[in-house]
Amino acid sequence: MRNKHKKAVALFMNRLYAKGLTTTSGGNVSIRVNNKIYITPSQTDKGNMKPKQIGVVTIEGSNLTPKLRLSMETGMHIAIYKSRKDVNAIVHAHPYTATALSATPDMIDTRINGEARAMLGKPAFAPYATMGTPDLAKIAADAIKHSNAIILQHHGILTAGETLLQAFDRLELMEMTARATILRKIANIEDHISGEQIAIIDRMFDQP
């Protein structure tokens, strides 16, 4: 069973890189299974991830794979899982368009189409904190209470879900929405889904 979980994490890390959503050294993926977290390692080729490289840590932070160097963002993943009991998967990466727009709140506009709003709601904005620090873990854990998608200022994107597929889908959709946001600005398109319709979508899909 453990190997099954490691395979899933490695698969989605490879998929993240193959889709151009992160760099060779960037990003991290995890799943929670009971009180254990399966997470990608640090300083490893993210485009060629193997199941044997996936680390395991308890929800309290005990490394069950001491021979592996866990992701530097392990603390952030743990903090988010503690903050949201319904979250079982986290994907964090640096997709180039969304990351470019991460400097300022509300740059990525999910009101531009129904799918974006249904899957992402209104993304939360997490003010900058140094990567791998307890400050970033706390800020992200607070932000995840308000959305399944977090814009980490000057850093990247983090998405959460009940499954890895759902979390991955949300991150991919964040990048698509960021690209569409820029194209709309270039084309001077200002129209978006009305506030009334946005409220209907939010109720239908029970956004945080």
Protein backbone atom coordinates (compact mmCIF):
# COMPACT_ATOMS: atom_id res chain seq x y z
CA MET A 1 0.00 0.00 0.00
CA ARG A 2 2.81 2.40 0.88
CA ASN A 3 4.40 1.85 -2.52
CA LYS A 4 1.07 2.76 -4.11
CA HIS A 5 1.08 6.13 -2.35
CA LYS A 6 4.70 6.80 -3.29
CA LYS A 7 3.97 5.96 -6.92
CA ALA A 8 1.08 8.42 -6.97
CA VAL A 9 3.18 11.29 -5.57
CA ALA A 10 6.05 10.58 -7.99
CA LEU A 11 3.63 10.35 -10.93
CA PHE A 12 2.09 13.74 -10.27
CA MET A 13 5.46 15.38 -9.68
CA ASN A 14 6.63 14.06 -13.07
CA ARG A 15 3.37 15.21 -14.63
CA LEU A 16 3.81 18.67 -13.15
CA TYR A 17 7.22 19.01 -14.75
CA ALA A 18 6.12 17.50 -18.07
CA LYS A 19 3.35 20.09 -18.33
CA GLY A 20 5.84 22.91 -17.85
CA LEU A 21 4.30 23.93 -14.52
CA THR A 22 7.55 23.88 -12.57
CA THR A 23 11.32 23.71 -12.92
CA THR A 24 13.71 20.81 -12.43
CA SER A 25 14.41 21.79 -8.84
CA GLY A 26 11.14 23.55 -7.99
CA GLY A 27 7.82 22.53 -6.53
CA ASN A 28 6.62 19.85 -4.16
CA VAL A 29 3.72 17.40 -3.99
CA SER A 30 2.25 15.49 -1.07
CA ILE A 31 -0.68 13.35 0.03
CA ARG A 32 -1.98 12.61 3.50
CA VAL A 33 -2.95 9.04 4.37
CA ASN A 34 -4.23 8.82 7.94
CA ASN A 35 -1.46 10.38 10.06
CA LYS A 36 1.27 9.97 7.44
CA ILE A 37 2.30 12.40 4.72
CA TYR A 38 4.02 11.19 1.54
CA ILE A 39 6.06 14.05 0.09
CA THR A 40 8.60 14.74 -2.65
CA PRO A 41 12.26 15.20 -1.65
CA SER A 42 14.47 18.25 -1.82
CA GLN A 43 17.14 18.91 -4.45
CA THR A 44 16.06 16.08 -6.73
CA ASP A 45 15.19 16.07 -10.44
CA LYS A 46 11.47 16.81 -10.41
CA GLY A 47 11.07 15.62 -13.98
CA ASN A 48 12.37 12.13 -13.25
CA MET A 49 10.94 11.38 -9.82
CA LYS A 50 10.98 7.75 -8.65
CA PRO A 51 8.68 6.22 -6.00
CA LYS A 52 11.68 5.17 -3.89
CA GLN A 53 12.63 8.85 -3.57
CA ILE A 54 9.35 9.85 -1.93
CA GLY A 55 9.67 10.59 1.78
CA VAL A 56 7.24 9.80 4.58
CA VAL A 57 6.66 12.03 7.59
CA THR A 58 4.07 11.95 10.34
CA ILE A 59 1.56 14.75 10.80
CA GLU A 60 3.59 15.72 13.87
CA GLY A 61 6.77 16.06 11.82
CA SER A 62 8.69 12.85 12.52
CA ASN A 63 10.64 11.76 9.44
CA LEU A 64 9.98 8.05 8.85
CA THR A 65 12.48 8.01 5.97
CA PRO A 66 15.58 9.56 7.60
CA LYS A 67 17.84 8.59 4.71
CA LEU A 68 15.86 10.88 2.41
CA ARG A 69 16.03 14.67 2.45
CA LEU A 70 12.43 15.84 2.61
CA SER A 71 11.18 18.89 0.76
CA MET A 72 12.17 22.17 2.39
CA GLU A 73 8.45 23.01 2.41
CA THR A 74 7.47 19.96 4.48
CA GLY A 75 6.55 22.25 7.37
CA MET A 76 4.18 24.18 5.14
CA HIS A 77 2.46 20.98 4.00
CA ILE A 78 2.07 19.78 7.60
CA ALA A 79 0.67 23.15 8.70
CA ILE A 80 -1.90 23.10 5.89
CA TYR A 81 -3.02 19.55 6.68
CA LYS A 82 -3.50 20.56 10.30
CA SER A 83 -5.45 23.63 9.22
CA ARG A 84 -7.81 21.80 6.82
CA LYS A 85 -8.91 18.32 7.85
CA ASP A 86 -10.68 17.87 4.49
CA VAL A 87 -7.46 18.35 2.50
CA ASN A 88 -5.64 15.13 1.55
CA ALA A 89 -3.38 16.40 -1.25
CA ILE A 90 -1.23 19.46 -1.89
CA VAL A 91 0.53 20.63 -5.05
CA HIS A 92 2.95 23.56 -4.93
CA ALA A 93 4.82 24.82 -7.98
CA HIS A 94 6.02 27.87 -9.87
CA PRO A 95 4.06 28.04 -13.15
CA TYR A 96 5.60 30.99 -14.94
CA THR A 97 2.54 33.11 -15.76
CA ALA A 98 0.79 32.68 -12.43
CA THR A 99 4.05 33.25 -10.59
CA ALA A 100 4.63 36.45 -12.54
CA LEU A 101 1.19 37.66 -11.42
CA SER A 102 1.80 36.64 -7.81
CA ALA A 103 3.28 40.02 -6.94
CA THR A 104 -0.10 41.68 -6.37
CA PRO A 105 -3.48 40.50 -5.04
CA ASP A 106 -6.37 39.96 -7.49
CA MET A 107 -4.17 39.79 -10.60
CA ILE A 108 -5.45 36.28 -11.37
CA ASP A 109 -9.17 36.81 -12.02
CA THR A 110 -11.30 33.67 -11.66
CA ARG A 111 -14.41 35.59 -12.73
CA ILE A 112 -13.45 35.19 -16.38
CA ASN A 113 -15.10 31.77 -16.82
CA GLY A 114 -17.33 29.36 -14.96
CA GLU A 115 -14.81 26.52 -14.68
CA ALA A 116 -12.19 28.73 -13.06
CA ARG A 117 -14.64 30.00 -10.48
CA ALA A 118 -16.14 26.58 -9.78
CA MET A 119 -12.76 24.88 -9.28
CA LEU A 120 -10.81 27.73 -7.69
CA GLY A 121 -13.27 30.08 -6.07
CA LYS A 122 -11.47 33.32 -5.22
CA PRO A 123 -7.78 32.46 -4.67
CA ALA A 124 -6.32 33.50 -1.34
CA PHE A 125 -3.31 35.81 -1.29
CA ALA A 126 -0.44 34.99 1.07
CA PRO A 127 2.01 37.87 1.69
CA TYR A 128 5.65 37.10 1.02
CA ALA A 129 7.63 35.02 3.50
CA THR A 130 10.98 33.33 2.92
CA MET A 131 10.70 29.85 1.44
CA GLY A 132 11.02 26.93 3.81
CA THR A 133 10.43 29.00 6.95
CA PRO A 134 7.90 28.65 9.77
CA ASP A 135 6.59 32.09 8.79
CA LEU A 136 5.63 30.82 5.34
CA ALA A 137 4.05 27.70 6.85
CA LYS A 138 1.87 29.81 9.16
CA ILE A 139 0.85 32.26 6.43
CA ALA A 140 -0.07 29.44 4.04
CA ALA A 141 -2.00 27.56 6.73
CA ASP A 142 -4.02 30.69 7.45
CA ALA A 143 -4.66 31.39 3.76
CA ILE A 144 -5.86 27.85 2.99
CA LYS A 145 -8.82 28.39 5.34
CA HIS A 146 -10.27 30.78 2.76
CA SER A 147 -9.57 29.03 -0.56
CA ASN A 148 -8.34 25.82 -2.18
CA ALA A 149 -5.86 27.89 -4.19
CA ILE A 150 -3.21 30.18 -2.70
CA ILE A 151 -1.14 32.80 -4.48
CA LEU A 152 2.17 32.93 -2.62
CA GLN A 153 3.49 36.44 -3.19
CA HIS A 154 6.74 36.54 -5.24
CA HIS A 155 6.92 32.75 -4.94
CA GLY A 156 4.35 30.64 -6.75
CA ILE A 157 1.04 28.81 -6.43
CA LEU A 158 -0.24 26.22 -3.97
CA THR A 159 -3.43 24.23 -4.45
CA ALA A 160 -5.15 21.70 -2.23
CA GLY A 161 -7.77 19.02 -2.76
CA GLU A 162 -9.33 15.83 -1.54
CA THR A 163 -7.21 13.95 -4.11
CA LEU A 164 -3.97 14.53 -5.98
CA LEU A 165 -5.85 14.79 -9.26
CA GLN A 166 -8.08 17.52 -7.86
CA ALA A 167 -5.14 19.49 -6.45
CA PHE A 168 -3.20 19.11 -9.72
CA ASP A 169 -6.22 20.17 -11.76
CA ARG A 170 -6.56 23.30 -9.65
CA LEU A 171 -2.92 24.28 -10.13
CA GLU A 172 -3.09 23.71 -13.87
CA LEU A 173 -6.27 25.79 -13.99
CA MET A 174 -4.58 28.58 -12.02
CA GLU A 175 -1.91 28.83 -14.70
CA MET A 176 -4.50 28.72 -17.50
CA THR A 177 -6.49 31.46 -15.77
CA ALA A 178 -3.36 33.57 -15.31
CA ARG A 179 -2.57 33.31 -19.03
CA ALA A 180 -6.17 34.12 -19.95
CA THR A 181 -6.09 37.12 -17.60
CA ILE A 182 -3.10 38.56 -19.47
CA LEU A 183 -4.63 37.88 -22.89
CA ARG A 184 -7.82 39.63 -21.83
CA LYS A 185 -5.84 42.67 -20.71
CA ILE A 186 -3.97 42.76 -24.03
CA ALA A 187 -7.29 42.56 -25.88
CA ASN A 188 -8.88 45.16 -23.57
CA ILE A 189 -11.61 42.72 -22.49
CA GLU A 190 -13.08 43.95 -19.22
CA ASP A 191 -16.33 41.98 -19.06
CA HIS A 192 -16.58 39.08 -16.60
CA ILE A 193 -19.24 36.89 -14.99
CA SER A 194 -21.70 39.01 -13.00
CA GLY A 195 -21.61 39.15 -9.23
CA GLU A 196 -25.01 37.43 -9.08
CA GLN A 197 -23.80 34.52 -11.19
CA ILE A 198 -20.55 34.30 -9.22
CA ALA A 199 -22.59 33.91 -6.02
CA ILE A 200 -24.58 31.08 -7.62
CA ILE A 201 -21.38 29.25 -8.66
CA ASP A 202 -19.86 29.69 -5.20
CA ARG A 203 -22.94 28.19 -3.57
CA MET A 204 -23.12 25.32 -6.05
CA PHE A 205 -19.52 24.30 -5.53
CA ASP A 206 -19.28 25.11 -1.81
CA GLN A 207 -16.09 27.15 -1.97
CA PRO A 208 -14.30 27.81 1.36
